[in-house]
Amino acid sequence: MTGSETSRYVRLRVELVIEVDDSGALTGAALERIADDEFMPDAERTHAQSAVREDVAEALAYLVDPFDLVSQVPGIELAQASWSSEEIEYDPDSDDWELDADDDDDAVGGYGGGPDGYPLLGTEGDDPRT
């Protein structure tokens, strides 16, 4: 693809692990957001309130909005967004929780992903694309 053929669309992938240290505050904030949503139909509101009370991951999903993450970035418009949350077992010392450093998706401009998940850049003259 030449510069004029480059897509205007960029997929931004973000993965977060969040520790919930006050589930009551999280659930309360989500219930408040649901109650304040004037466009939510009553049947959906009842279902959402029930889901939020039963699952902190659902509460978090009602409070996190991808639009909020990019709304102040100049020169872009959010074209599509999806997100999900789930309760997990987390061990920060486990190899399972390393960023996908070996994943080819981390390559940027032909540079492979480094151990921290960011592109591994070579020294001047060392272009791994050649």
N, C-alpha and C. Protein backbone atom coordinates (compact mmCIF):
# COMPACT_ATOMS: atom_id res chain seq x y z
N MET A 1 0.83 -1.17 0.00
CA MET A 1 0.00 0.00 0.00
C MET A 1 0.88 1.24 0.00
N THR A 2 0.61 2.16 -0.87
CA THR A 2 1.35 3.41 -0.88
C THR A 2 0.72 4.36 0.12
N GLY A 3 1.38 5.49 0.35
CA GLY A 3 0.86 6.47 1.30
C GLY A 3 -0.54 6.92 0.97
N SER A 4 -0.86 7.07 -0.31
CA SER A 4 -2.20 7.52 -0.69
C SER A 4 -3.23 6.40 -0.56
N GLU A 5 -2.79 5.14 -0.47
CA GLU A 5 -3.70 4.01 -0.33
C GLU A 5 -3.86 3.56 1.11
N THR A 6 -3.16 4.18 2.03
CA THR A 6 -3.20 3.78 3.42
C THR A 6 -4.61 3.99 3.99
N SER A 7 -5.08 3.01 4.75
CA SER A 7 -6.39 3.09 5.35
C SER A 7 -6.46 4.23 6.35
N ARG A 8 -7.60 4.84 6.43
CA ARG A 8 -7.82 5.91 7.40
C ARG A 8 -8.23 5.34 8.75
N TYR A 9 -8.43 4.04 8.82
CA TYR A 9 -8.93 3.41 10.04
C TYR A 9 -7.80 2.71 10.79
N VAL A 10 -7.82 2.85 12.09
CA VAL A 10 -6.80 2.25 12.96
C VAL A 10 -7.54 1.49 14.05
N ARG A 11 -7.12 0.25 14.29
CA ARG A 11 -7.67 -0.52 15.40
C ARG A 11 -6.76 -0.32 16.61
N LEU A 12 -7.32 0.17 17.69
CA LEU A 12 -6.59 0.39 18.93
C LEU A 12 -7.04 -0.69 19.91
N ARG A 13 -6.12 -1.54 20.32
CA ARG A 13 -6.45 -2.61 21.27
C ARG A 13 -5.87 -2.25 22.63
N VAL A 14 -6.70 -2.31 23.62
CA VAL A 14 -6.28 -2.01 24.98
C VAL A 14 -6.78 -3.13 25.87
N GLU A 15 -5.90 -3.66 26.69
CA GLU A 15 -6.30 -4.67 27.66
C GLU A 15 -5.87 -4.18 29.03
N LEU A 16 -6.79 -4.15 29.95
CA LEU A 16 -6.53 -3.70 31.30
C LEU A 16 -6.92 -4.78 32.29
N VAL A 17 -6.18 -4.89 33.38
CA VAL A 17 -6.59 -5.71 34.51
C VAL A 17 -6.77 -4.73 35.65
N ILE A 18 -7.96 -4.71 36.19
CA ILE A 18 -8.32 -3.73 37.22
C ILE A 18 -8.61 -4.46 38.52
N GLU A 19 -8.05 -3.96 39.61
CA GLU A 19 -8.35 -4.51 40.92
C GLU A 19 -9.49 -3.72 41.54
N VAL A 20 -10.54 -4.40 41.91
CA VAL A 20 -11.70 -3.77 42.53
C VAL A 20 -11.50 -3.84 44.04
N ASP A 21 -11.27 -2.69 44.66
CA ASP A 21 -11.06 -2.69 46.11
C ASP A 21 -12.27 -2.14 46.87
N ASP A 22 -13.30 -1.69 46.15
CA ASP A 22 -14.54 -1.25 46.79
C ASP A 22 -15.70 -1.57 45.85
N SER A 23 -16.16 -2.81 45.92
CA SER A 23 -17.23 -3.24 45.00
C SER A 23 -18.52 -2.47 45.24
N GLY A 24 -18.76 -2.05 46.47
CA GLY A 24 -19.97 -1.27 46.77
C GLY A 24 -19.96 0.07 46.05
N ALA A 25 -18.82 0.74 46.06
CA ALA A 25 -18.72 2.03 45.37
C ALA A 25 -18.86 1.84 43.86
N LEU A 26 -18.24 0.80 43.32
CA LEU A 26 -18.33 0.51 41.89
C LEU A 26 -19.77 0.21 41.49
N THR A 27 -20.43 -0.67 42.25
CA THR A 27 -21.82 -1.03 41.95
C THR A 27 -22.73 0.19 42.09
N GLY A 28 -22.53 0.98 43.13
CA GLY A 28 -23.34 2.18 43.34
C GLY A 28 -23.21 3.17 42.20
N ALA A 29 -21.98 3.38 41.72
CA ALA A 29 -21.76 4.30 40.60
C ALA A 29 -22.43 3.80 39.33
N ALA A 30 -22.37 2.50 39.10
CA ALA A 30 -23.02 1.92 37.92
C ALA A 30 -24.54 2.05 38.01
N LEU A 31 -25.09 1.78 39.19
CA LEU A 31 -26.54 1.91 39.38
C LEU A 31 -26.98 3.37 39.17
N GLU A 32 -26.16 4.29 39.61
CA GLU A 32 -26.45 5.72 39.42
C GLU A 32 -26.43 6.08 37.93
N ARG A 33 -25.45 5.57 37.21
CA ARG A 33 -25.37 5.83 35.76
C ARG A 33 -26.60 5.27 35.05
N ILE A 34 -27.01 4.07 35.43
CA ILE A 34 -28.19 3.46 34.82
C ILE A 34 -29.45 4.27 35.13
N ALA A 35 -29.58 4.71 36.37
CA ALA A 35 -30.74 5.50 36.77
C ALA A 35 -30.79 6.83 36.03
N ASP A 36 -29.64 7.41 35.74
CA ASP A 36 -29.57 8.71 35.07
C ASP A 36 -29.74 8.64 33.56
N ASP A 37 -29.74 7.42 33.00
CA ASP A 37 -29.85 7.26 31.54
C ASP A 37 -31.31 7.43 31.13
N GLU A 38 -31.65 8.61 30.66
CA GLU A 38 -33.04 8.92 30.32
C GLU A 38 -33.53 8.21 29.07
N PHE A 39 -32.63 7.66 28.27
CA PHE A 39 -33.01 6.99 27.03
C PHE A 39 -33.15 5.47 27.17
N MET A 40 -32.79 4.92 28.35
CA MET A 40 -32.86 3.48 28.55
C MET A 40 -34.30 3.06 28.84
N PRO A 41 -34.83 2.12 28.05
CA PRO A 41 -36.19 1.62 28.32
C PRO A 41 -36.26 0.95 29.70
N ASP A 42 -37.44 0.99 30.31
CA ASP A 42 -37.61 0.46 31.66
C ASP A 42 -37.24 -1.01 31.78
N ALA A 43 -37.61 -1.82 30.79
CA ALA A 43 -37.28 -3.25 30.84
C ALA A 43 -35.77 -3.46 30.81
N GLU A 44 -35.08 -2.69 29.98
CA GLU A 44 -33.62 -2.79 29.91
C GLU A 44 -32.99 -2.28 31.21
N ARG A 45 -33.55 -1.23 31.77
CA ARG A 45 -33.04 -0.66 33.02
C ARG A 45 -33.12 -1.70 34.15
N THR A 46 -34.25 -2.39 34.25
CA THR A 46 -34.43 -3.42 35.28
C THR A 46 -33.41 -4.53 35.11
N HIS A 47 -33.22 -4.97 33.88
CA HIS A 47 -32.24 -6.03 33.61
C HIS A 47 -30.82 -5.54 33.94
N ALA A 48 -30.48 -4.32 33.55
CA ALA A 48 -29.14 -3.77 33.80
C ALA A 48 -28.88 -3.65 35.29
N GLN A 49 -29.86 -3.17 36.03
CA GLN A 49 -29.69 -3.02 37.48
C GLN A 49 -29.45 -4.38 38.14
N SER A 50 -30.18 -5.37 37.72
CA SER A 50 -30.01 -6.72 38.26
C SER A 50 -28.62 -7.27 37.95
N ALA A 51 -28.17 -7.10 36.71
CA ALA A 51 -26.85 -7.60 36.29
C ALA A 51 -25.74 -6.90 37.07
N VAL A 52 -25.86 -5.60 37.26
CA VAL A 52 -24.84 -4.82 37.97
C VAL A 52 -24.77 -5.22 39.44
N ARG A 53 -25.90 -5.50 40.05
CA ARG A 53 -25.92 -5.91 41.46
C ARG A 53 -25.27 -7.27 41.66
N GLU A 54 -25.34 -8.14 40.64
CA GLU A 54 -24.82 -9.50 40.76
C GLU A 54 -23.36 -9.64 40.36
N ASP A 55 -22.82 -8.71 39.57
CA ASP A 55 -21.50 -8.92 38.98
C ASP A 55 -20.75 -7.59 38.86
N VAL A 56 -19.62 -7.47 39.57
CA VAL A 56 -18.85 -6.22 39.49
C VAL A 56 -18.30 -5.98 38.08
N ALA A 57 -18.06 -7.05 37.33
CA ALA A 57 -17.59 -6.87 35.96
C ALA A 57 -18.67 -6.18 35.11
N GLU A 58 -19.92 -6.51 35.34
CA GLU A 58 -21.02 -5.83 34.65
C GLU A 58 -21.08 -4.36 35.07
N ALA A 59 -20.87 -4.11 36.36
CA ALA A 59 -20.87 -2.73 36.84
C ALA A 59 -19.78 -1.92 36.15
N LEU A 60 -18.61 -2.50 36.04
CA LEU A 60 -17.51 -1.82 35.37
C LEU A 60 -17.83 -1.54 33.90
N ALA A 61 -18.45 -2.51 33.24
CA ALA A 61 -18.80 -2.35 31.82
C ALA A 61 -19.79 -1.20 31.62
N TYR A 62 -20.65 -0.93 32.59
CA TYR A 62 -21.58 0.19 32.47
C TYR A 62 -20.91 1.53 32.71
N LEU A 63 -19.74 1.54 33.33
CA LEU A 63 -19.05 2.78 33.64
C LEU A 63 -17.94 3.13 32.65
N VAL A 64 -17.43 2.15 31.94
CA VAL A 64 -16.34 2.38 30.99
C VAL A 64 -16.95 2.61 29.61
N ASP A 65 -16.57 3.70 28.98
CA ASP A 65 -17.09 4.04 27.66
C ASP A 65 -15.90 4.32 26.74
N PRO A 66 -15.71 3.51 25.71
CA PRO A 66 -14.58 3.74 24.79
C PRO A 66 -14.57 5.14 24.18
N PHE A 67 -15.74 5.73 23.97
CA PHE A 67 -15.78 7.08 23.44
C PHE A 67 -15.04 8.05 24.36
N ASP A 68 -15.20 7.86 25.68
CA ASP A 68 -14.52 8.74 26.64
C ASP A 68 -13.00 8.64 26.51
N LEU A 69 -12.50 7.48 26.09
CA LEU A 69 -11.05 7.29 25.97
C LEU A 69 -10.45 8.11 24.83
N VAL A 70 -11.24 8.35 23.79
CA VAL A 70 -10.68 9.02 22.60
C VAL A 70 -11.37 10.33 22.24
N SER A 71 -12.38 10.73 23.00
CA SER A 71 -13.16 11.91 22.62
C SER A 71 -12.35 13.20 22.57
N GLN A 72 -11.27 13.29 23.32
CA GLN A 72 -10.47 14.51 23.34
C GLN A 72 -9.25 14.45 22.42
N VAL A 73 -9.09 13.36 21.68
CA VAL A 73 -7.95 13.21 20.77
C VAL A 73 -8.27 13.97 19.48
N PRO A 74 -7.43 14.93 19.11
CA PRO A 74 -7.72 15.73 17.91
C PRO A 74 -7.53 14.93 16.63
N GLY A 75 -8.36 15.22 15.64
CA GLY A 75 -8.19 14.65 14.32
C GLY A 75 -8.77 13.27 14.13
N ILE A 76 -9.57 12.77 15.08
CA ILE A 76 -10.14 11.44 14.93
C ILE A 76 -11.63 11.47 15.24
N GLU A 77 -12.32 10.47 14.76
CA GLU A 77 -13.73 10.25 15.08
C GLU A 77 -13.90 8.76 15.32
N LEU A 78 -14.51 8.39 16.42
CA LEU A 78 -14.74 6.98 16.75
C LEU A 78 -15.73 6.39 15.75
N ALA A 79 -15.30 5.38 15.02
CA ALA A 79 -16.15 4.75 14.00
C ALA A 79 -16.92 3.57 14.57
N GLN A 80 -16.32 2.81 15.47
CA GLN A 80 -16.96 1.63 16.04
C GLN A 80 -16.23 1.28 17.34
N ALA A 81 -16.96 0.73 18.29
CA ALA A 81 -16.33 0.31 19.55
C ALA A 81 -17.07 -0.87 20.12
N SER A 82 -16.34 -1.74 20.76
CA SER A 82 -16.93 -2.81 21.53
C SER A 82 -16.01 -3.09 22.71
N TRP A 83 -16.58 -3.56 23.77
CA TRP A 83 -15.78 -3.88 24.94
C TRP A 83 -16.54 -4.86 25.80
N SER A 84 -15.81 -5.53 26.64
CA SER A 84 -16.43 -6.48 27.56
C SER A 84 -15.60 -6.52 28.83
N SER A 85 -16.17 -7.07 29.86
CA SER A 85 -15.43 -7.24 31.10
C SER A 85 -15.85 -8.57 31.72
N GLU A 86 -14.95 -9.14 32.50
CA GLU A 86 -15.23 -10.41 33.16
C GLU A 86 -14.36 -10.52 34.40
N GLU A 87 -14.87 -11.19 35.41
CA GLU A 87 -14.07 -11.45 36.59
C GLU A 87 -13.05 -12.53 36.24
N ILE A 88 -11.83 -12.37 36.73
CA ILE A 88 -10.75 -13.30 36.41
C ILE A 88 -9.94 -13.61 37.66
N GLU A 89 -9.17 -14.67 37.58
CA GLU A 89 -8.13 -14.95 38.58
C GLU A 89 -6.87 -14.29 38.04
N TYR A 90 -6.18 -13.56 38.87
CA TYR A 90 -5.01 -12.80 38.41
C TYR A 90 -3.81 -13.09 39.28
N ASP A 91 -2.71 -13.47 38.65
CA ASP A 91 -1.43 -13.68 39.32
C ASP A 91 -0.39 -12.90 38.53
N PRO A 92 0.02 -11.73 39.02
CA PRO A 92 0.96 -10.90 38.25
C PRO A 92 2.31 -11.56 38.00
N ASP A 93 2.63 -12.60 38.76
CA ASP A 93 3.91 -13.28 38.58
C ASP A 93 3.84 -14.41 37.56
N SER A 94 2.67 -14.73 37.10
CA SER A 94 2.48 -15.83 36.16
C SER A 94 2.88 -15.41 34.75
N ASP A 95 3.50 -16.33 34.02
CA ASP A 95 3.86 -16.07 32.62
C ASP A 95 2.63 -15.84 31.77
N ASP A 96 1.48 -16.32 32.21
CA ASP A 96 0.24 -16.13 31.46
C ASP A 96 -0.15 -14.66 31.37
N TRP A 97 0.38 -13.82 32.24
CA TRP A 97 -0.01 -12.41 32.29
C TRP A 97 0.98 -11.48 31.64
N GLU A 98 1.97 -12.02 30.93
CA GLU A 98 2.88 -11.16 30.18
C GLU A 98 2.12 -10.56 29.02
N LEU A 99 2.50 -9.35 28.65
CA LEU A 99 1.91 -8.77 27.44
C LEU A 99 2.28 -9.67 26.28
N ASP A 100 1.47 -9.69 25.24
CA ASP A 100 1.69 -10.57 24.10
C ASP A 100 2.93 -10.17 23.32
N ALA A 101 4.10 -10.24 23.95
CA ALA A 101 5.35 -9.80 23.34
C ALA A 101 5.72 -10.64 22.11
N ASP A 102 5.33 -11.90 22.10
CA ASP A 102 5.70 -12.76 20.98
C ASP A 102 4.65 -12.76 19.88
N ASP A 103 3.58 -12.03 20.08
CA ASP A 103 2.49 -11.99 19.11
C ASP A 103 2.87 -11.11 17.93
N ASP A 104 2.66 -11.60 16.72
CA ASP A 104 2.99 -10.84 15.52
C ASP A 104 2.21 -9.54 15.43
N ASP A 105 1.05 -9.45 16.10
CA ASP A 105 0.26 -8.24 16.05
C ASP A 105 0.98 -7.06 16.69
N ASP A 106 2.03 -7.32 17.48
CA ASP A 106 2.76 -6.24 18.12
C ASP A 106 3.81 -5.63 17.20
N ALA A 107 4.03 -6.22 16.06
CA ALA A 107 5.02 -5.68 15.13
C ALA A 107 4.52 -4.35 14.60
N VAL A 108 5.40 -3.37 14.58
CA VAL A 108 5.07 -2.05 14.07
C VAL A 108 6.10 -1.69 13.02
N GLY A 109 5.64 -1.43 11.82
CA GLY A 109 6.56 -1.04 10.76
C GLY A 109 7.64 -2.08 10.50
N GLY A 110 7.34 -3.35 10.73
CA GLY A 110 8.31 -4.40 10.50
C GLY A 110 9.15 -4.73 11.71
N TYR A 111 9.05 -3.96 12.76
CA TYR A 111 9.81 -4.23 13.98
C TYR A 111 8.98 -5.13 14.88
N GLY A 112 9.58 -6.19 15.38
CA GLY A 112 8.88 -7.13 16.24
C GLY A 112 8.64 -6.55 17.61
N GLY A 113 7.75 -7.19 18.37
CA GLY A 113 7.45 -6.75 19.72
C GLY A 113 8.56 -7.11 20.68
N GLY A 114 8.87 -6.19 21.59
CA GLY A 114 9.88 -6.42 22.61
C GLY A 114 9.26 -7.07 23.83
N PRO A 115 10.03 -7.32 24.87
CA PRO A 115 9.53 -8.02 26.05
C PRO A 115 8.47 -7.23 26.81
N ASP A 116 8.41 -5.91 26.60
CA ASP A 116 7.41 -5.10 27.27
C ASP A 116 6.17 -4.88 26.40
N GLY A 117 6.14 -5.52 25.21
CA GLY A 117 5.01 -5.40 24.33
C GLY A 117 5.12 -4.26 23.33
N TYR A 118 6.10 -3.38 23.52
CA TYR A 118 6.32 -2.29 22.58
C TYR A 118 7.26 -2.74 21.47
N PRO A 119 7.25 -2.06 20.33
CA PRO A 119 8.12 -2.47 19.22
C PRO A 119 9.58 -2.49 19.65
N LEU A 120 10.28 -3.51 19.22
CA LEU A 120 11.70 -3.64 19.49
C LEU A 120 12.44 -2.95 18.35
N LEU A 121 13.05 -1.83 18.64
CA LEU A 121 13.73 -1.05 17.61
C LEU A 121 15.21 -1.41 17.60
N GLY A 122 15.75 -1.58 16.41
CA GLY A 122 17.18 -1.88 16.28
C GLY A 122 18.00 -0.61 16.31
N THR A 123 19.31 -0.77 16.24
CA THR A 123 20.17 0.39 16.18
C THR A 123 20.20 0.92 14.76
N GLU A 124 20.72 2.10 14.58
CA GLU A 124 20.74 2.72 13.26
C GLU A 124 21.41 1.80 12.27
N GLY A 125 20.76 1.58 11.15
CA GLY A 125 21.30 0.70 10.13
C GLY A 125 20.83 -0.73 10.26
N ASP A 126 20.28 -1.10 11.42
CA ASP A 126 19.75 -2.45 11.62
C ASP A 126 18.26 -2.45 11.35
N ASP A 127 17.87 -2.60 10.11
CA ASP A 127 16.46 -2.60 9.76
C ASP A 127 16.02 -4.04 9.62
N PRO A 128 15.21 -4.56 10.54
CA PRO A 128 14.80 -5.97 10.48
C PRO A 128 13.90 -6.28 9.29
N ARG A 129 13.45 -5.26 8.57
CA ARG A 129 12.59 -5.49 7.43
C ARG A 129 13.39 -5.90 6.20
N THR A 130 14.71 -5.79 6.27
CA THR A 130 15.53 -6.14 5.10
C THR A 130 16.09 -7.52 5.22
